[in-house]
Amino acid sequence: MRNPFRFFVELMQQPVWIPVWVLILMIVNVASLGFWNEPLAKVIFVTFMLSAMLMMGLYSRFGFGKILGMGHIPWIPLLVYVLTEIPTAGDTFKSYLIILSTSIVISLLFDIVDVWKYYASRKST
């Protein structure tokens, strides 16, 4: 088992765009605190924290690899919920939800490719 705090050390050893993208995702998710009066903002923040805990568990078990994309599985139902709430959200919150959902979609696309590659490489060995 790896120390989950080493995750950030290994993250900073990746190509620059990866820690920048992770920082963007963190900022977008934590920005939900600015809308705390919205019930959906609470769901977003809790889902982000659960996903982070899952990611640390995966890192502890498997290290810094493509399997970490599985840590974003909780974002799939969150994305569905966010997309259904966008039409009724107020202007500022709606803009935030659009930014959040866009970042989640992009991240999930990376994750799908990474997890696919992870399992494909395990089949070939």
C-alpha atoms as a PDB file:
ATOM      1  CA  MET A   1       0.000   0.000   0.000  1.00  0.00           C
ATOM      2  CA  ARG A   2       1.237   3.456  -0.920  1.00  0.00           C
ATOM      3  CA  ASN A   3       0.945   6.529   1.233  1.00  0.00           C
ATOM      4  CA  PRO A   4      -1.931   8.512  -0.360  1.00  0.00           C
ATOM      5  CA  PHE A   5      -0.117  11.785   0.342  1.00  0.00           C
ATOM      6  CA  ARG A   6       2.497  10.738  -2.236  1.00  0.00           C
ATOM      7  CA  PHE A   7      -0.218  11.127  -4.861  1.00  0.00           C
ATOM      8  CA  PHE A   8       0.501  14.845  -5.061  1.00  0.00           C
ATOM      9  CA  VAL A   9       4.249  14.243  -5.354  1.00  0.00           C
ATOM     10  CA  GLU A  10       3.670  11.893  -8.278  1.00  0.00           C
ATOM     11  CA  LEU A  11       1.081  14.246  -9.759  1.00  0.00           C
ATOM     12  CA  MET A  12       3.697  16.991  -9.963  1.00  0.00           C
ATOM     13  CA  GLN A  13       6.032  14.593 -11.806  1.00  0.00           C
ATOM     14  CA  GLN A  14       3.525  14.195 -14.660  1.00  0.00           C
ATOM     15  CA  PRO A  15       3.529  16.340 -17.818  1.00  0.00           C
ATOM     16  CA  VAL A  16       2.586  19.923 -16.871  1.00  0.00           C
ATOM     17  CA  TRP A  17      -0.878  19.782 -18.400  1.00  0.00           C
ATOM     18  CA  ILE A  18      -1.967  16.998 -16.019  1.00  0.00           C
ATOM     19  CA  PRO A  19      -1.439  18.844 -12.700  1.00  0.00           C
ATOM     20  CA  VAL A  20      -2.886  21.989 -14.332  1.00  0.00           C
ATOM     21  CA  TRP A  21      -5.996  20.043 -15.370  1.00  0.00           C
ATOM     22  CA  VAL A  22      -6.318  18.502 -11.888  1.00  0.00           C
ATOM     23  CA  LEU A  23      -6.040  21.996 -10.362  1.00  0.00           C
ATOM     24  CA  ILE A  24      -8.780  23.268 -12.674  1.00  0.00           C
ATOM     25  CA  LEU A  25     -11.030  20.350 -11.697  1.00  0.00           C
ATOM     26  CA  MET A  26     -10.381  20.999  -8.019  1.00  0.00           C
ATOM     27  CA  ILE A  27     -11.152  24.719  -8.352  1.00  0.00           C
ATOM     28  CA  VAL A  28     -14.339  24.108 -10.333  1.00  0.00           C
ATOM     29  CA  ASN A  29     -15.601  21.539  -7.821  1.00  0.00           C
ATOM     30  CA  VAL A  30     -14.648  23.515  -4.710  1.00  0.00           C
ATOM     31  CA  ALA A  31     -16.344  26.573  -6.241  1.00  0.00           C
ATOM     32  CA  SER A  32     -19.579  24.813  -5.322  1.00  0.00           C
ATOM     33  CA  LEU A  33     -18.990  26.182  -1.815  1.00  0.00           C
ATOM     34  CA  GLY A  34     -19.793  29.629  -3.217  1.00  0.00           C
ATOM     35  CA  PHE A  35     -23.334  28.400  -3.924  1.00  0.00           C
ATOM     36  CA  TRP A  36     -23.812  26.599  -0.610  1.00  0.00           C
ATOM     37  CA  ASN A  37     -27.405  27.798  -0.297  1.00  0.00           C
ATOM     38  CA  GLU A  38     -28.232  25.616  -3.320  1.00  0.00           C
ATOM     39  CA  PRO A  39     -28.946  21.966  -2.433  1.00  0.00           C
ATOM     40  CA  LEU A  40     -27.196  20.851  -5.627  1.00  0.00           C
ATOM     41  CA  ALA A  41     -24.013  22.650  -4.536  1.00  0.00           C
ATOM     42  CA  LYS A  42     -23.892  20.437  -1.473  1.00  0.00           C
ATOM     43  CA  VAL A  43     -24.301  17.338  -3.649  1.00  0.00           C
ATOM     44  CA  ILE A  44     -21.487  18.561  -5.919  1.00  0.00           C
ATOM     45  CA  PHE A  45     -19.114  19.142  -3.012  1.00  0.00           C
ATOM     46  CA  VAL A  46     -19.903  15.834  -1.292  1.00  0.00           C
ATOM     47  CA  THR A  47     -19.510  13.964  -4.585  1.00  0.00           C
ATOM     48  CA  PHE A  48     -16.162  15.693  -5.154  1.00  0.00           C
ATOM     49  CA  MET A  49     -14.960  14.642  -1.697  1.00  0.00           C
ATOM     50  CA  LEU A  50     -16.176  11.046  -2.173  1.00  0.00           C
ATOM     51  CA  SER A  51     -14.452  10.912  -5.543  1.00  0.00           C
ATOM     52  CA  ALA A  52     -11.227  12.242  -3.993  1.00  0.00           C
ATOM     53  CA  MET A  53     -11.382   9.577  -1.283  1.00  0.00           C
ATOM     54  CA  LEU A  54     -11.975   6.872  -3.894  1.00  0.00           C
ATOM     55  CA  MET A  55      -9.057   8.212  -5.935  1.00  0.00           C
ATOM     56  CA  MET A  56      -6.758   8.105  -2.891  1.00  0.00           C
ATOM     57  CA  GLY A  57      -7.845   4.530  -2.197  1.00  0.00           C
ATOM     58  CA  LEU A  58      -7.124   3.538  -5.794  1.00  0.00           C
ATOM     59  CA  TYR A  59      -3.758   5.304  -5.655  1.00  0.00           C
ATOM     60  CA  SER A  60      -2.870   3.536  -2.393  1.00  0.00           C
ATOM     61  CA  ARG A  61      -3.633   0.167  -3.970  1.00  0.00           C
ATOM     62  CA  PHE A  62      -2.476   0.612  -7.587  1.00  0.00           C
ATOM     63  CA  GLY A  63      -0.191   3.660  -7.668  1.00  0.00           C
ATOM     64  CA  PHE A  64      -0.316   6.517 -10.123  1.00  0.00           C
ATOM     65  CA  GLY A  65      -1.738   4.867 -13.208  1.00  0.00           C
ATOM     66  CA  LYS A  66      -4.592   4.827 -15.659  1.00  0.00           C
ATOM     67  CA  ILE A  67      -6.844   2.962 -13.213  1.00  0.00           C
ATOM     68  CA  LEU A  68      -7.234   6.236 -11.290  1.00  0.00           C
ATOM     69  CA  GLY A  69      -9.906   7.187 -13.821  1.00  0.00           C
ATOM     70  CA  MET A  70     -12.221   4.856 -11.906  1.00  0.00           C
ATOM     71  CA  GLY A  71     -12.161   7.421  -9.112  1.00  0.00           C
ATOM     72  CA  HIS A  72     -14.514   9.607 -11.100  1.00  0.00           C
ATOM     73  CA  ILE A  73     -17.317   7.039 -11.335  1.00  0.00           C
ATOM     74  CA  PRO A  74     -19.415   9.065  -8.834  1.00  0.00           C
ATOM     75  CA  TRP A  75     -19.320  11.930 -11.335  1.00  0.00           C
ATOM     76  CA  ILE A  76     -21.499  10.017 -13.814  1.00  0.00           C
ATOM     77  CA  PRO A  77     -24.747  10.221 -11.799  1.00  0.00           C
ATOM     78  CA  LEU A  78     -23.718  13.717 -10.658  1.00  0.00           C
ATOM     79  CA  LEU A  79     -23.419  14.813 -14.293  1.00  0.00           C
ATOM     80  CA  VAL A  80     -26.893  13.472 -15.088  1.00  0.00           C
ATOM     81  CA  TYR A  81     -28.340  15.328 -12.093  1.00  0.00           C
ATOM     82  CA  VAL A  82     -26.506  18.571 -12.940  1.00  0.00           C
ATOM     83  CA  LEU A  83     -27.685  18.449 -16.554  1.00  0.00           C
ATOM     84  CA  THR A  84     -31.306  18.067 -15.435  1.00  0.00           C
ATOM     85  CA  GLU A  85     -30.987  21.045 -13.081  1.00  0.00           C
ATOM     86  CA  ILE A  86     -29.342  23.506 -15.501  1.00  0.00           C
ATOM     87  CA  PRO A  87     -32.617  24.667 -17.120  1.00  0.00           C
ATOM     88  CA  THR A  88     -34.119  25.782 -13.805  1.00  0.00           C
ATOM     89  CA  ALA A  89     -30.994  27.255 -12.200  1.00  0.00           C
ATOM     90  CA  GLY A  90     -30.516  30.988 -11.667  1.00  0.00           C
ATOM     91  CA  ASP A  91     -28.152  32.862 -14.004  1.00  0.00           C
ATOM     92  CA  THR A  92     -24.903  32.700 -12.010  1.00  0.00           C
ATOM     93  CA  PHE A  93     -25.511  29.192 -10.733  1.00  0.00           C
ATOM     94  CA  LYS A  94     -26.510  28.094 -14.250  1.00  0.00           C
ATOM     95  CA  SER A  95     -23.208  29.416 -15.619  1.00  0.00           C
ATOM     96  CA  TYR A  96     -21.352  27.546 -12.888  1.00  0.00           C
ATOM     97  CA  LEU A  97     -23.247  24.317 -13.647  1.00  0.00           C
ATOM     98  CA  ILE A  98     -22.408  24.615 -17.346  1.00  0.00           C
ATOM     99  CA  ILE A  99     -18.706  25.059 -16.530  1.00  0.00           C
ATOM    100  CA  LEU A 100     -18.847  22.157 -14.064  1.00  0.00           C
ATOM    101  CA  SER A 101     -20.650  19.819 -16.456  1.00  0.00           C
ATOM    102  CA  THR A 102     -18.243  20.686 -19.276  1.00  0.00           C
ATOM    103  CA  SER A 103     -15.238  19.941 -17.062  1.00  0.00           C
ATOM    104  CA  ILE A 104     -16.812  16.673 -15.895  1.00  0.00           C
ATOM    105  CA  VAL A 105     -17.499  15.556 -19.476  1.00  0.00           C
ATOM    106  CA  ILE A 106     -13.913  16.321 -20.528  1.00  0.00           C
ATOM    107  CA  SER A 107     -12.535  14.530 -17.485  1.00  0.00           C
ATOM    108  CA  LEU A 108     -14.757  11.491 -18.025  1.00  0.00           C
ATOM    109  CA  LEU A 109     -13.600  11.259 -21.640  1.00  0.00           C
ATOM    110  CA  PHE A 110      -9.976  11.136 -20.429  1.00  0.00           C
ATOM    111  CA  ASP A 111     -10.995   8.612 -17.767  1.00  0.00           C
ATOM    112  CA  ILE A 112     -12.771   6.302 -20.223  1.00  0.00           C
ATOM    113  CA  VAL A 113      -9.694   6.200 -22.451  1.00  0.00           C
ATOM    114  CA  ASP A 114      -7.345   5.669 -19.494  1.00  0.00           C
ATOM    115  CA  VAL A 115      -9.397   2.904 -17.868  1.00  0.00           C
ATOM    116  CA  TRP A 116      -9.869   1.216 -21.243  1.00  0.00           C
ATOM    117  CA  LYS A 117      -6.089   1.268 -21.786  1.00  0.00           C
ATOM    118  CA  TYR A 118      -5.507  -0.032 -18.254  1.00  0.00           C
ATOM    119  CA  TYR A 119      -7.775  -3.055 -18.747  1.00  0.00           C
ATOM    120  CA  ALA A 120      -6.540  -3.647 -22.319  1.00  0.00           C
ATOM    121  CA  SER A 121      -2.935  -3.773 -21.085  1.00  0.00           C
ATOM    122  CA  ARG A 122      -3.898  -6.265 -18.363  1.00  0.00           C
ATOM    123  CA  LYS A 123      -5.598  -8.553 -20.922  1.00  0.00           C
ATOM    124  CA  SER A 124      -2.531  -8.630 -23.142  1.00  0.00           C
ATOM    125  CA  THR A 125      -0.220  -9.804 -20.327  1.00  0.00           C
END
